[in-house]
Structure formats: C-alpha cells, structure tokens
C-alpha cells in the first residue's frame, strides 16, 4: 500500500495491522448472519463515499496534506476498486465461515469506516470548511462503528443487569 500510494495511506496501514492483530487473537468468529447485514451496508456506504471523493477531487487534495504528491484519478480509482473487490471477496468468505474474511471486515470497520470518518472530520476542521468526502464521512463512520460492534461484541445473548 505504501509503495503505490505513498505516506498518505500510513493510517490505513496502521488500521490494517490492527485488524490483523485483532483477527489473530480472536478465538471465535461471530455468526455470519449477525455481521453480514452490517458488512453489506458498510460496503455500499463505501461505494457512495468513493463516488463523492472521486467527483470532488479528494485524490488531488488529500496527499499534499501529508506531504505527498497528488494521486492521479486512475491511481485513486484502481486503489479503491481493488479494496472494494477485497471487501466483496471477504463478504463471500465471511458467509462461508472463512477466517481471513474477518480481516477484511475488521479493516472495513476500523480503517474504511471509523478511521476514515474521523479523518475526514479532521480534514474539515483543518480546511475550515468542506473537504472532499466530508458529506458521506458521517455515514462511513456510522457504518464502520456498527460493523465493528457486530464483529467485536461477545457472542451469545445479551442479558440486562437490573
């Protein structure tokens, strides 16, 4: 990731590392029926977010914030379409109980959702107004948060304490 996109994706690399770490220490996966609806929603929200980022020039404006050269539209689209492909493939893996699919789901939740949404909030604060991708960023954050909750909550019924 760093080799093709530069230091502007360093936070995504960190989120991917965290996703692998959580996957590695997680003894059991949640049932696919519990996570697939939130997973599918998060992938769809990512598609909308990618569309906003592309149409508003995120690929030109974001890399210079972190001291990198702007990305080309082609580079940005290929990078994001590869990740969307991984997320779709990961969804099929989750449905079949394939453990590595859990890594894709965690990365979608933590990096593509929560981190992405918070990052856009910081970019808006830095810019003092709209920054490309900001309109759909709250949806990305929400979808990532719901997915993370579904992925990381303890299995079994929830009993209210009285």
Protein backbone atom coordinates (compact mmCIF):
# COMPACT_ATOMS: atom_id res chain seq x y z
CA UNK A 1 0.00 0.00 0.00
CA UNK A 2 2.72 2.45 0.96
CA UNK A 3 4.75 1.63 -2.14
CA UNK A 4 1.93 2.54 -4.52
CA UNK A 5 0.16 5.35 -2.69
CA UNK A 6 2.86 6.92 -0.50
CA UNK A 7 2.70 8.14 3.04
CA UNK A 8 -0.84 9.46 2.60
CA UNK A 9 -2.08 5.93 3.38
CA UNK A 10 0.04 5.42 6.51
CA UNK A 11 -3.06 5.46 8.73
CA UNK A 12 -4.67 2.75 6.60
CA UNK A 13 -1.54 0.63 7.01
CA UNK A 14 -1.89 1.05 10.78
CA UNK A 15 -5.57 0.08 10.63
CA UNK A 16 -4.70 -3.00 8.58
CA UNK A 17 -2.08 -4.00 11.15
CA UNK A 18 -4.60 -3.55 13.96
CA UNK A 19 -7.13 -5.62 12.00
CA UNK A 20 -4.64 -8.47 11.63
CA UNK A 21 -3.78 -8.26 15.32
CA UNK A 22 -7.43 -8.45 16.40
CA UNK A 23 -8.03 -11.30 13.95
CA UNK A 24 -5.04 -13.20 15.29
CA UNK A 25 -6.11 -13.01 18.95
CA UNK A 26 -9.84 -13.51 18.35
CA UNK A 27 -10.65 -17.09 19.42
CA UNK A 28 -14.01 -17.35 17.65
CA UNK A 29 -15.79 -15.52 14.86
CA UNK A 30 -19.29 -14.13 15.23
CA UNK A 31 -22.01 -15.84 13.21
CA UNK A 32 -22.19 -14.67 9.61
CA UNK A 33 -25.91 -13.99 9.98
CA UNK A 34 -25.07 -11.43 12.66
CA UNK A 35 -22.45 -9.49 10.72
CA UNK A 36 -23.34 -9.78 7.02
CA UNK A 37 -26.14 -7.15 7.03
CA UNK A 38 -23.84 -4.55 8.64
CA UNK A 39 -20.98 -5.65 6.38
CA UNK A 40 -23.05 -5.28 3.21
CA UNK A 41 -24.28 -1.86 4.34
CA UNK A 42 -20.71 -0.73 5.07
CA UNK A 43 -19.56 -1.82 1.59
CA UNK A 44 -22.44 0.09 -0.03
CA UNK A 45 -21.70 3.19 2.03
CA UNK A 46 -18.04 2.92 0.97
CA UNK A 47 -19.15 2.92 -2.67
CA UNK A 48 -21.07 6.15 -2.13
CA UNK A 49 -18.16 7.67 -0.25
CA UNK A 50 -15.71 6.73 -3.01
CA UNK A 51 -18.02 8.38 -5.54
CA UNK A 52 -18.08 11.62 -3.55
CA UNK A 53 -14.30 11.56 -3.08
CA UNK A 54 -13.70 10.97 -6.77
CA UNK A 55 -16.16 13.59 -8.02
CA UNK A 56 -14.85 16.27 -5.63
CA UNK A 57 -11.13 15.70 -6.20
CA UNK A 58 -10.06 14.03 -2.96
CA UNK A 59 -7.23 12.30 -4.83
CA UNK A 60 -5.74 15.69 -5.71
CA UNK A 61 -6.29 17.44 -2.39
CA UNK A 62 -5.54 14.83 0.30
CA UNK A 63 -1.99 13.59 -0.42
CA UNK A 64 -0.44 17.09 -0.19
CA UNK A 65 -1.92 17.43 3.32
CA UNK A 66 0.56 14.73 4.37
CA UNK A 67 3.41 15.98 2.21
CA UNK A 68 2.90 13.65 -0.76
CA UNK A 69 2.27 14.36 -4.43
CA UNK A 70 -1.35 14.28 -5.57
CA UNK A 71 -2.61 10.96 -6.88
CA UNK A 72 -3.89 10.61 -10.41
CA UNK A 73 -7.58 9.85 -10.85
CA UNK A 74 -6.62 6.45 -12.30
CA UNK A 75 -4.34 5.60 -9.37
CA UNK A 76 -7.04 6.57 -6.88
CA UNK A 77 -9.73 4.55 -8.63
CA UNK A 78 -7.58 1.45 -9.02
CA UNK A 79 -6.55 1.56 -5.36
CA UNK A 80 -10.14 1.92 -4.17
CA UNK A 81 -11.63 -0.59 -6.62
CA UNK A 82 -9.07 -3.19 -5.55
CA UNK A 83 -10.12 -2.64 -1.93
CA UNK A 84 -13.81 -2.84 -2.84
CA UNK A 85 -13.04 -6.14 -4.60
CA UNK A 86 -11.30 -7.39 -1.47
CA UNK A 87 -14.32 -6.38 0.60
CA UNK A 88 -16.72 -8.22 -1.74
CA UNK A 89 -14.49 -11.30 -1.73
CA UNK A 90 -14.21 -11.00 2.07
CA UNK A 91 -18.01 -10.94 2.33
CA UNK A 92 -18.22 -14.25 0.49
CA UNK A 93 -15.55 -15.57 2.85
CA UNK A 94 -17.50 -14.43 5.89
CA UNK A 95 -20.64 -16.11 4.59
CA UNK A 96 -18.70 -19.37 4.32
CA UNK A 97 -17.01 -19.07 7.73
CA UNK A 98 -13.56 -18.42 6.23
CA UNK A 99 -11.43 -16.79 8.96
CA UNK A 100 -9.43 -14.44 6.68
CA UNK A 101 -12.70 -12.80 5.64
CA UNK A 102 -12.80 -11.47 9.19
CA UNK A 103 -9.62 -9.42 8.49
CA UNK A 104 -11.33 -7.72 5.55
CA UNK A 105 -14.36 -6.99 7.73
CA UNK A 106 -12.25 -5.58 10.55
CA UNK A 107 -10.30 -3.38 8.14
CA UNK A 108 -13.51 -2.14 6.55
CA UNK A 109 -14.87 -1.28 10.01
CA UNK A 110 -11.74 0.23 11.55
CA UNK A 111 -9.86 1.75 8.61
CA UNK A 112 -12.53 2.27 5.98
CA UNK A 113 -15.22 3.27 8.44
CA UNK A 114 -14.21 4.67 11.82
CA UNK A 115 -10.75 5.94 10.86
CA UNK A 116 -11.92 7.30 7.52
CA UNK A 117 -14.86 9.11 9.08
CA UNK A 118 -12.74 10.66 11.85
CA UNK A 119 -10.03 11.55 9.35
CA UNK A 120 -12.50 13.48 7.21
CA UNK A 121 -13.72 15.34 10.29
CA UNK A 122 -10.14 16.41 10.99
CA UNK A 123 -9.68 17.46 7.35
CA UNK A 124 -12.82 19.60 7.54
CA UNK A 125 -11.57 21.24 10.73
CA UNK A 126 -8.17 21.83 9.14
CA UNK A 127 -9.73 23.31 5.97
CA UNK A 128 -12.21 25.43 7.90
CA UNK A 129 -14.97 24.17 5.60
CA UNK A 130 -15.77 21.43 3.14
CA UNK A 131 -13.05 18.94 2.24
CA UNK A 132 -13.71 16.32 -0.46
CA UNK A 133 -15.52 13.32 1.01
CA UNK A 134 -16.92 15.17 4.01
CA UNK A 135 -20.61 14.79 3.19
CA UNK A 136 -20.58 10.99 3.27
CA UNK A 137 -17.93 10.71 6.02
CA UNK A 138 -20.51 10.58 8.87
CA UNK A 139 -22.23 7.66 7.13
CA UNK A 140 -18.89 5.90 6.72
CA UNK A 141 -18.15 6.44 10.41
CA UNK A 142 -21.58 5.16 11.44
CA UNK A 143 -21.40 2.09 9.18
CA UNK A 144 -17.90 1.29 10.44
CA UNK A 145 -18.95 1.69 14.06
CA UNK A 146 -21.96 -0.60 13.68
CA UNK A 147 -19.85 -3.19 11.86
CA UNK A 148 -17.09 -3.01 14.49
CA UNK A 149 -19.68 -3.51 17.22
CA UNK A 150 -21.09 -6.56 15.44
CA UNK A 151 -17.61 -8.00 14.86
CA UNK A 152 -16.20 -7.43 18.33
CA UNK A 153 -19.09 -7.86 20.72
CA UNK A 154 -19.08 -11.04 22.79
CA UNK A 155 -21.08 -13.93 21.35
CA UNK A 156 -24.28 -15.07 23.00
CA UNK A 157 -27.39 -13.39 24.31
CA UNK A 158 -27.21 -10.03 25.98
CA UNK A 159 -28.74 -10.01 29.47
CA UNK A 160 -29.74 -6.72 31.00
CA UNK A 161 -28.45 -6.07 34.50
CA UNK A 162 -31.12 -4.93 36.94
